[in-house]
């Protein structure tokens, strides 16, 4: 999620993360499934991260977008829960797009 925000700012274009219960995929399009894959940190396309066995991602949104300034397309702060042996929270702030735990 943080990399999507950085990519949007660096390339001065919108970037999206498609979230499911077990994967996060980086895209240039908001459509599901992704029609325009964005590169990962090493240039790999498509860039998708799979959760290890026993870990689940719970997000109130299926697609999270960031504009060219890194601002998210959400109306309120977003809390993405990652559950495995314990529950961790990844938060995205509404105005700045700041991603933190």
N, C-alpha and C. Protein backbone atom coordinates (compact mmCIF):
# COMPACT_ATOMS: atom_id res chain seq x y z
N UNK A 1 0.84 -1.18 0.00
CA UNK A 1 0.00 0.00 0.00
C UNK A 1 0.88 1.25 0.00
N UNK A 2 1.89 1.25 0.83
CA UNK A 2 2.80 2.41 0.88
C UNK A 2 3.53 2.58 -0.45
N UNK A 3 3.93 1.47 -1.08
CA UNK A 3 4.62 1.56 -2.36
C UNK A 3 3.70 2.16 -3.43
N UNK A 4 2.41 1.84 -3.40
CA UNK A 4 1.47 2.41 -4.37
C UNK A 4 1.42 3.93 -4.24
N UNK A 5 1.42 4.43 -3.00
CA UNK A 5 1.41 5.87 -2.80
C UNK A 5 2.70 6.49 -3.33
N UNK A 6 3.83 5.88 -3.04
CA UNK A 6 5.12 6.40 -3.52
C UNK A 6 5.19 6.38 -5.04
N UNK A 7 4.67 5.32 -5.66
CA UNK A 7 4.67 5.21 -7.12
C UNK A 7 3.82 6.31 -7.75
N UNK A 8 2.66 6.58 -7.17
CA UNK A 8 1.79 7.62 -7.69
C UNK A 8 2.49 8.98 -7.67
N UNK A 9 3.17 9.28 -6.59
CA UNK A 9 3.88 10.56 -6.46
C UNK A 9 5.06 10.62 -7.43
N UNK A 10 5.85 9.57 -7.48
CA UNK A 10 7.06 9.55 -8.31
C UNK A 10 6.73 9.64 -9.80
N UNK A 11 5.66 8.97 -10.22
CA UNK A 11 5.32 8.96 -11.63
C UNK A 11 4.26 10.00 -11.99
N UNK A 12 3.81 10.74 -10.98
CA UNK A 12 2.82 11.80 -11.18
C UNK A 12 1.60 11.31 -11.94
N UNK A 13 1.09 10.15 -11.49
CA UNK A 13 -0.11 9.57 -12.07
C UNK A 13 -0.80 8.69 -11.03
N UNK A 14 -2.05 8.41 -11.23
CA UNK A 14 -2.81 7.60 -10.28
C UNK A 14 -2.27 6.17 -10.23
N UNK A 15 -2.28 5.61 -9.03
CA UNK A 15 -1.90 4.22 -8.81
C UNK A 15 -2.93 3.60 -7.88
N UNK A 16 -3.20 2.31 -8.07
CA UNK A 16 -4.24 1.63 -7.31
C UNK A 16 -3.71 0.32 -6.74
N UNK A 17 -4.26 -0.06 -5.59
CA UNK A 17 -3.96 -1.36 -4.99
C UNK A 17 -5.28 -2.11 -4.93
N UNK A 18 -5.32 -3.27 -5.57
CA UNK A 18 -6.50 -4.12 -5.49
C UNK A 18 -6.26 -5.10 -4.35
N UNK A 19 -7.19 -5.12 -3.39
CA UNK A 19 -7.04 -5.94 -2.19
C UNK A 19 -8.06 -7.07 -2.17
N UNK A 20 -7.58 -8.27 -1.90
CA UNK A 20 -8.48 -9.40 -1.68
C UNK A 20 -8.09 -10.02 -0.35
N UNK A 21 -8.74 -11.11 0.01
CA UNK A 21 -8.44 -11.75 1.30
C UNK A 21 -7.03 -12.31 1.36
N UNK A 22 -6.41 -12.53 0.18
CA UNK A 22 -5.09 -13.15 0.21
C UNK A 22 -4.04 -12.46 -0.65
N UNK A 23 -4.40 -11.41 -1.41
CA UNK A 23 -3.42 -10.74 -2.27
C UNK A 23 -3.62 -9.23 -2.31
N UNK A 24 -2.54 -8.56 -2.67
CA UNK A 24 -2.55 -7.13 -2.96
C UNK A 24 -1.84 -6.97 -4.30
N UNK A 25 -2.51 -6.33 -5.28
CA UNK A 25 -1.97 -6.18 -6.63
C UNK A 25 -1.89 -4.70 -6.97
N UNK A 26 -0.77 -4.27 -7.54
CA UNK A 26 -0.52 -2.88 -7.90
C UNK A 26 -0.93 -2.64 -9.35
N UNK A 27 -1.75 -1.61 -9.57
CA UNK A 27 -2.29 -1.32 -10.91
C UNK A 27 -2.29 0.17 -11.21
N UNK A 28 -2.43 0.48 -12.51
CA UNK A 28 -2.66 1.85 -12.95
C UNK A 28 -4.14 2.09 -13.22
N UNK A 29 -4.96 1.04 -13.13
CA UNK A 29 -6.39 1.18 -13.39
C UNK A 29 -7.18 0.73 -12.16
N UNK A 30 -8.36 1.31 -11.98
CA UNK A 30 -9.19 0.97 -10.84
C UNK A 30 -10.07 -0.24 -11.11
N UNK A 31 -10.19 -0.65 -12.37
CA UNK A 31 -11.06 -1.77 -12.72
C UNK A 31 -10.59 -3.09 -12.15
N UNK A 32 -11.56 -3.93 -11.82
CA UNK A 32 -11.26 -5.27 -11.31
C UNK A 32 -11.75 -6.27 -12.35
N UNK A 33 -10.94 -7.16 -12.88
CA UNK A 33 -9.53 -7.32 -12.56
C UNK A 33 -8.68 -6.22 -13.19
N UNK A 34 -7.48 -6.10 -12.72
CA UNK A 34 -6.56 -5.06 -13.17
C UNK A 34 -6.28 -5.22 -14.66
N UNK A 35 -6.44 -4.11 -15.41
CA UNK A 35 -6.17 -4.16 -16.85
C UNK A 35 -4.85 -3.47 -17.21
N UNK A 36 -4.27 -2.74 -16.27
CA UNK A 36 -3.00 -2.04 -16.53
C UNK A 36 -2.10 -2.21 -15.32
N UNK A 37 -1.30 -3.27 -15.32
CA UNK A 37 -0.43 -3.57 -14.19
C UNK A 37 0.69 -2.56 -14.05
N UNK A 38 0.96 -2.16 -12.81
CA UNK A 38 2.05 -1.24 -12.51
C UNK A 38 3.26 -2.06 -12.07
N UNK A 39 4.46 -1.54 -12.29
CA UNK A 39 5.66 -2.29 -11.91
C UNK A 39 5.92 -2.24 -10.41
N UNK A 40 6.56 -3.29 -9.92
CA UNK A 40 6.96 -3.35 -8.52
C UNK A 40 8.30 -2.66 -8.34
N UNK A 41 8.87 -2.70 -7.14
CA UNK A 41 10.13 -2.03 -6.86
C UNK A 41 11.29 -2.50 -7.74
N UNK A 42 11.24 -3.75 -8.18
CA UNK A 42 12.29 -4.28 -9.04
C UNK A 42 11.92 -4.27 -10.51
N UNK A 43 10.79 -3.61 -10.85
CA UNK A 43 10.33 -3.53 -12.23
C UNK A 43 9.46 -4.69 -12.67
N UNK A 44 9.18 -5.63 -11.78
CA UNK A 44 8.39 -6.80 -12.13
C UNK A 44 6.92 -6.43 -12.36
N UNK A 45 6.31 -7.04 -13.39
CA UNK A 45 4.90 -6.84 -13.70
C UNK A 45 4.26 -8.19 -13.95
N UNK A 46 3.12 -8.51 -13.46
CA UNK A 46 2.38 -7.71 -12.48
C UNK A 46 3.03 -7.81 -11.11
N UNK A 47 2.83 -6.80 -10.31
CA UNK A 47 3.37 -6.80 -8.96
C UNK A 47 2.23 -7.17 -8.02
N UNK A 48 2.27 -8.38 -7.51
CA UNK A 48 1.24 -8.87 -6.59
C UNK A 48 1.94 -9.55 -5.43
N UNK A 49 1.43 -9.29 -4.26
CA UNK A 49 1.97 -9.90 -3.05
C UNK A 49 0.89 -10.81 -2.48
N UNK A 50 1.25 -12.04 -2.22
CA UNK A 50 0.31 -13.01 -1.65
C UNK A 50 0.60 -13.16 -0.16
N UNK A 51 -0.48 -13.21 0.61
CA UNK A 51 -0.34 -13.43 2.05
C UNK A 51 0.06 -14.88 2.30
N UNK A 52 0.92 -15.13 3.27
CA UNK A 52 1.29 -16.51 3.60
C UNK A 52 0.07 -17.28 4.13
N UNK A 53 0.15 -18.59 4.13
CA UNK A 53 -0.92 -19.42 4.67
C UNK A 53 -1.28 -19.01 6.09
N UNK A 54 -2.55 -18.98 6.39
CA UNK A 54 -3.01 -18.62 7.73
C UNK A 54 -3.10 -17.13 7.97
N UNK A 55 -2.81 -16.32 6.94
CA UNK A 55 -2.90 -14.86 7.07
C UNK A 55 -3.98 -14.36 6.12
N UNK A 56 -4.84 -13.47 6.61
CA UNK A 56 -5.92 -12.93 5.79
C UNK A 56 -5.92 -11.40 5.85
N UNK A 57 -6.29 -10.80 4.73
CA UNK A 57 -6.39 -9.34 4.62
C UNK A 57 -7.87 -8.98 4.64
N UNK A 58 -8.26 -8.08 5.51
CA UNK A 58 -9.64 -7.62 5.58
C UNK A 58 -9.65 -6.12 5.36
N UNK A 59 -10.21 -5.70 4.22
CA UNK A 59 -10.25 -4.28 3.89
C UNK A 59 -11.69 -3.88 3.58
N UNK A 60 -12.10 -2.70 4.04
CA UNK A 60 -13.45 -2.23 3.70
C UNK A 60 -13.57 -1.79 2.24
N UNK A 61 -12.46 -1.69 1.52
CA UNK A 61 -12.50 -1.34 0.09
C UNK A 61 -11.76 -2.42 -0.70
N UNK A 62 -12.24 -2.71 -1.91
CA UNK A 62 -11.58 -3.70 -2.77
C UNK A 62 -10.45 -3.06 -3.56
N UNK A 63 -10.59 -1.76 -3.85
CA UNK A 63 -9.57 -1.03 -4.60
C UNK A 63 -9.29 0.28 -3.88
N UNK A 64 -8.02 0.52 -3.59
CA UNK A 64 -7.58 1.77 -2.96
C UNK A 64 -6.74 2.53 -3.96
N UNK A 65 -7.13 3.75 -4.26
CA UNK A 65 -6.40 4.55 -5.24
C UNK A 65 -5.70 5.74 -4.62
N UNK A 66 -4.60 6.14 -5.25
CA UNK A 66 -3.86 7.34 -4.86
C UNK A 66 -3.73 8.21 -6.09
N UNK A 67 -3.98 9.52 -5.96
CA UNK A 67 -3.81 10.41 -7.10
C UNK A 67 -2.34 10.78 -7.26
N UNK A 68 -2.03 11.60 -8.25
CA UNK A 68 -0.64 11.95 -8.56
C UNK A 68 0.06 12.66 -7.40
N UNK A 69 -0.69 13.22 -6.47
CA UNK A 69 -0.11 13.86 -5.29
C UNK A 69 0.00 12.93 -4.10
N UNK A 70 -0.40 11.65 -4.27
CA UNK A 70 -0.32 10.69 -3.19
C UNK A 70 -1.52 10.69 -2.26
N UNK A 71 -2.56 11.45 -2.62
CA UNK A 71 -3.77 11.50 -1.79
C UNK A 71 -4.68 10.33 -2.13
N UNK A 72 -5.22 9.65 -1.12
CA UNK A 72 -6.07 8.48 -1.38
C UNK A 72 -7.48 8.90 -1.78
N UNK A 73 -8.19 7.98 -2.43
CA UNK A 73 -9.56 8.25 -2.86
C UNK A 73 -10.56 7.71 -1.85
N UNK A 74 -10.36 8.07 -0.58
CA UNK A 74 -11.24 7.63 0.49
C UNK A 74 -11.84 8.83 1.20
N UNK A 75 -13.04 8.64 1.77
CA UNK A 75 -13.73 9.74 2.44
C UNK A 75 -13.36 9.85 3.92
N UNK A 76 -12.77 8.80 4.46
CA UNK A 76 -12.36 8.79 5.87
C UNK A 76 -11.11 7.92 5.98
N UNK A 77 -10.43 8.00 7.11
CA UNK A 77 -9.24 7.16 7.32
C UNK A 77 -9.62 5.70 7.12
N UNK A 78 -8.71 4.94 6.55
CA UNK A 78 -8.96 3.54 6.21
C UNK A 78 -8.16 2.64 7.14
N UNK A 79 -8.79 1.58 7.62
CA UNK A 79 -8.13 0.60 8.49
C UNK A 79 -8.19 -0.75 7.81
N UNK A 80 -7.04 -1.24 7.36
CA UNK A 80 -6.94 -2.56 6.74
C UNK A 80 -6.40 -3.51 7.80
N UNK A 81 -7.15 -4.58 8.08
CA UNK A 81 -6.73 -5.54 9.09
C UNK A 81 -6.03 -6.72 8.43
N UNK A 82 -4.88 -7.09 8.98
CA UNK A 82 -4.14 -8.26 8.53
C UNK A 82 -4.13 -9.22 9.71
N UNK A 83 -4.79 -10.36 9.53
CA UNK A 83 -4.98 -11.29 10.63
C UNK A 83 -4.25 -12.60 10.38
N UNK A 84 -3.50 -13.01 11.37
CA UNK A 84 -2.80 -14.29 11.35
C UNK A 84 -2.77 -14.77 12.78
N UNK A 85 -1.59 -14.98 13.35
CA UNK A 85 -1.47 -15.34 14.75
C UNK A 85 -1.97 -14.20 15.64
N UNK A 86 -1.88 -12.98 15.13
CA UNK A 86 -2.39 -11.79 15.81
C UNK A 86 -2.99 -10.88 14.74
N UNK A 87 -3.66 -9.84 15.15
CA UNK A 87 -4.25 -8.89 14.20
C UNK A 87 -3.42 -7.62 14.18
N UNK A 88 -3.02 -7.22 12.97
CA UNK A 88 -2.27 -5.98 12.79
C UNK A 88 -3.12 -5.05 11.94
N UNK A 89 -2.94 -3.77 12.14
CA UNK A 89 -3.70 -2.77 11.40
C UNK A 89 -2.78 -1.94 10.53
N UNK A 90 -3.16 -1.77 9.28
CA UNK A 90 -2.48 -0.85 8.37
C UNK A 90 -3.46 0.28 8.15
N UNK A 91 -3.06 1.48 8.51
CA UNK A 91 -3.96 2.63 8.40
C UNK A 91 -3.51 3.57 7.28
N UNK A 92 -4.50 4.11 6.59
CA UNK A 92 -4.25 5.09 5.53
C UNK A 92 -5.02 6.34 5.91
N UNK A 93 -4.30 7.44 6.07
CA UNK A 93 -4.93 8.70 6.46
C UNK A 93 -5.62 9.35 5.26
N UNK A 94 -6.75 9.95 5.48
CA UNK A 94 -7.59 10.48 4.42
C UNK A 94 -6.96 11.62 3.64
N UNK A 95 -6.47 12.62 4.28
CA UNK A 95 -5.96 13.81 3.57
C UNK A 95 -4.59 13.62 2.95
N UNK A 96 -3.70 13.00 3.69
CA UNK A 96 -2.30 12.92 3.23
C UNK A 96 -1.96 11.61 2.54
N UNK A 97 -2.74 10.56 2.81
CA UNK A 97 -2.41 9.25 2.27
C UNK A 97 -1.33 8.54 3.05
N UNK A 98 -0.94 9.11 4.19
CA UNK A 98 0.10 8.51 5.02
C UNK A 98 -0.31 7.09 5.41
N UNK A 99 0.58 6.13 5.14
CA UNK A 99 0.32 4.72 5.44
C UNK A 99 1.17 4.33 6.64
N UNK A 100 0.54 3.80 7.66
CA UNK A 100 1.27 3.42 8.88
C UNK A 100 0.54 2.31 9.61
N UNK A 101 1.23 1.76 10.65
CA UNK A 101 0.58 0.73 11.46
C UNK A 101 0.21 1.30 12.80
